[in-house]
Protein backbone atom coordinates (compact mmCIF):
# COMPACT_ATOMS: atom_id res chain seq x y z
CA PRO A 1 -20.77 43.07 44.60
CA GLN A 2 -24.58 42.99 44.81
CA THR A 3 -24.50 40.71 47.85
CA VAL A 4 -22.13 42.99 49.74
CA ALA A 5 -24.18 46.06 48.76
CA GLN A 6 -27.35 44.44 50.06
CA MET A 7 -25.55 43.43 53.26
CA ALA A 8 -24.47 47.05 53.77
CA VAL A 9 -28.06 48.27 53.42
CA ILE A 10 -29.26 45.71 55.96
CA GLY A 11 -26.32 46.47 58.26
CA GLN A 12 -27.19 50.17 58.23
CA ARG A 13 -30.80 49.31 59.06
CA ILE A 14 -29.71 47.17 62.02
CA ALA A 15 -27.28 49.89 63.17
CA LYS A 16 -30.09 52.45 63.13
CA ALA A 17 -32.28 50.05 65.12
CA ALA A 18 -29.49 49.74 67.72
CA ARG A 19 -29.54 53.52 68.14
CA VAL A 20 -33.32 53.95 68.47
CA SER A 21 -34.02 50.78 70.47
CA GLY A 22 -33.62 50.09 74.15
CA LEU A 23 -29.94 49.36 73.44
CA HIS A 24 -29.33 53.14 73.29
CA ALA A 25 -26.24 52.76 71.09
CA ASP A 26 -24.31 55.97 70.37
CA GLY A 27 -22.67 54.34 67.36
CA ASN A 28 -21.87 51.00 65.74
CA ASN A 29 -18.95 49.08 64.32
CA ILE A 30 -19.90 47.41 61.04
CA ALA A 31 -17.42 44.89 59.66
CA VAL A 32 -16.85 41.88 57.44
CA ASN A 33 -13.93 39.57 58.28
CA ASP A 34 -12.77 38.07 54.97
CA GLY A 35 -10.23 35.27 55.14
CA LYS A 36 -8.24 33.51 57.83
CA SER A 37 -5.74 36.35 58.21
CA ALA A 38 -8.68 38.69 58.88
CA PHE A 39 -9.94 36.34 61.60
CA GLN A 40 -12.88 34.98 59.63
CA SER A 41 -14.08 32.07 61.76
CA VAL A 42 -16.90 30.70 59.58
CA VAL A 43 -16.83 29.82 55.89
CA HIS A 44 -19.71 32.03 54.74
CA ILE A 45 -19.90 35.78 54.30
CA HIS A 46 -21.61 37.67 57.10
CA LEU A 47 -21.71 41.17 58.50
CA HIS A 48 -20.97 42.13 62.09
CA VAL A 49 -22.98 45.01 63.55
CA VAL A 50 -21.64 45.84 67.00
CA PRO A 51 -23.63 48.46 68.94
CA ARG A 52 -21.37 50.91 70.80
CA LYS A 53 -21.75 53.37 73.65
CA THR A 54 -19.40 56.22 74.46
CA GLY A 55 -16.81 54.96 76.93
CA ASP A 56 -17.75 51.27 76.58
CA LYS A 57 -14.06 50.25 76.36
CA LEU A 58 -14.88 47.59 73.78
CA SER A 59 -11.83 46.38 71.91
CA PHE A 60 -11.13 43.98 69.11
CA ALA A 61 -7.99 41.94 69.82
CA LYS A 62 -6.49 39.30 67.58
CA GLY A 63 -9.81 38.88 65.80
CA MET A 64 -11.70 38.27 68.97
CA LEU A 65 -14.37 40.53 70.32
CA VAL A 66 -13.50 41.15 73.95
CA ARG A 67 -17.06 41.46 75.24
CA ARG A 68 -19.93 39.04 75.46
CA ASP A 69 -23.56 40.07 75.44
CA SER A 70 -24.89 39.08 78.84
CA ASP A 71 -28.43 38.80 77.49
CA ARG A 72 -28.45 37.95 73.79
CA GLU A 73 -32.16 37.12 73.86
CA GLU A 74 -33.11 40.57 75.18
CA THR A 75 -30.77 42.29 72.72
CA GLY A 76 -32.32 40.34 69.85
CA GLN A 77 -35.83 41.21 71.01
CA LEU A 78 -35.00 44.93 71.26
CA LEU A 79 -33.58 44.92 67.74
CA ARG A 80 -36.51 42.93 66.31
CA GLU A 81 -38.94 45.43 67.82
CA ALA A 82 -37.00 48.41 66.45
CA LEU A 83 -36.84 46.79 62.99
CA ALA A 84 -40.57 46.01 62.88
């Protein structure tokens, strides 16, 4: 329980950074996929923070995020700066 609670605190911090950074997120999806039937694809616990924008048409289908970040490096840099 403590691990998940700490993950939630960190996830909220990252979600806030997505809103105030150059990503200009209007909202975020925050999720943990737990178990094969929930489409967990790695064997360790981790939290997904998915920045959202109104009208982005992002969908989750059969456990697969149907969108790829075209510039993961820039996204990471924007979040790191907002978290600093």
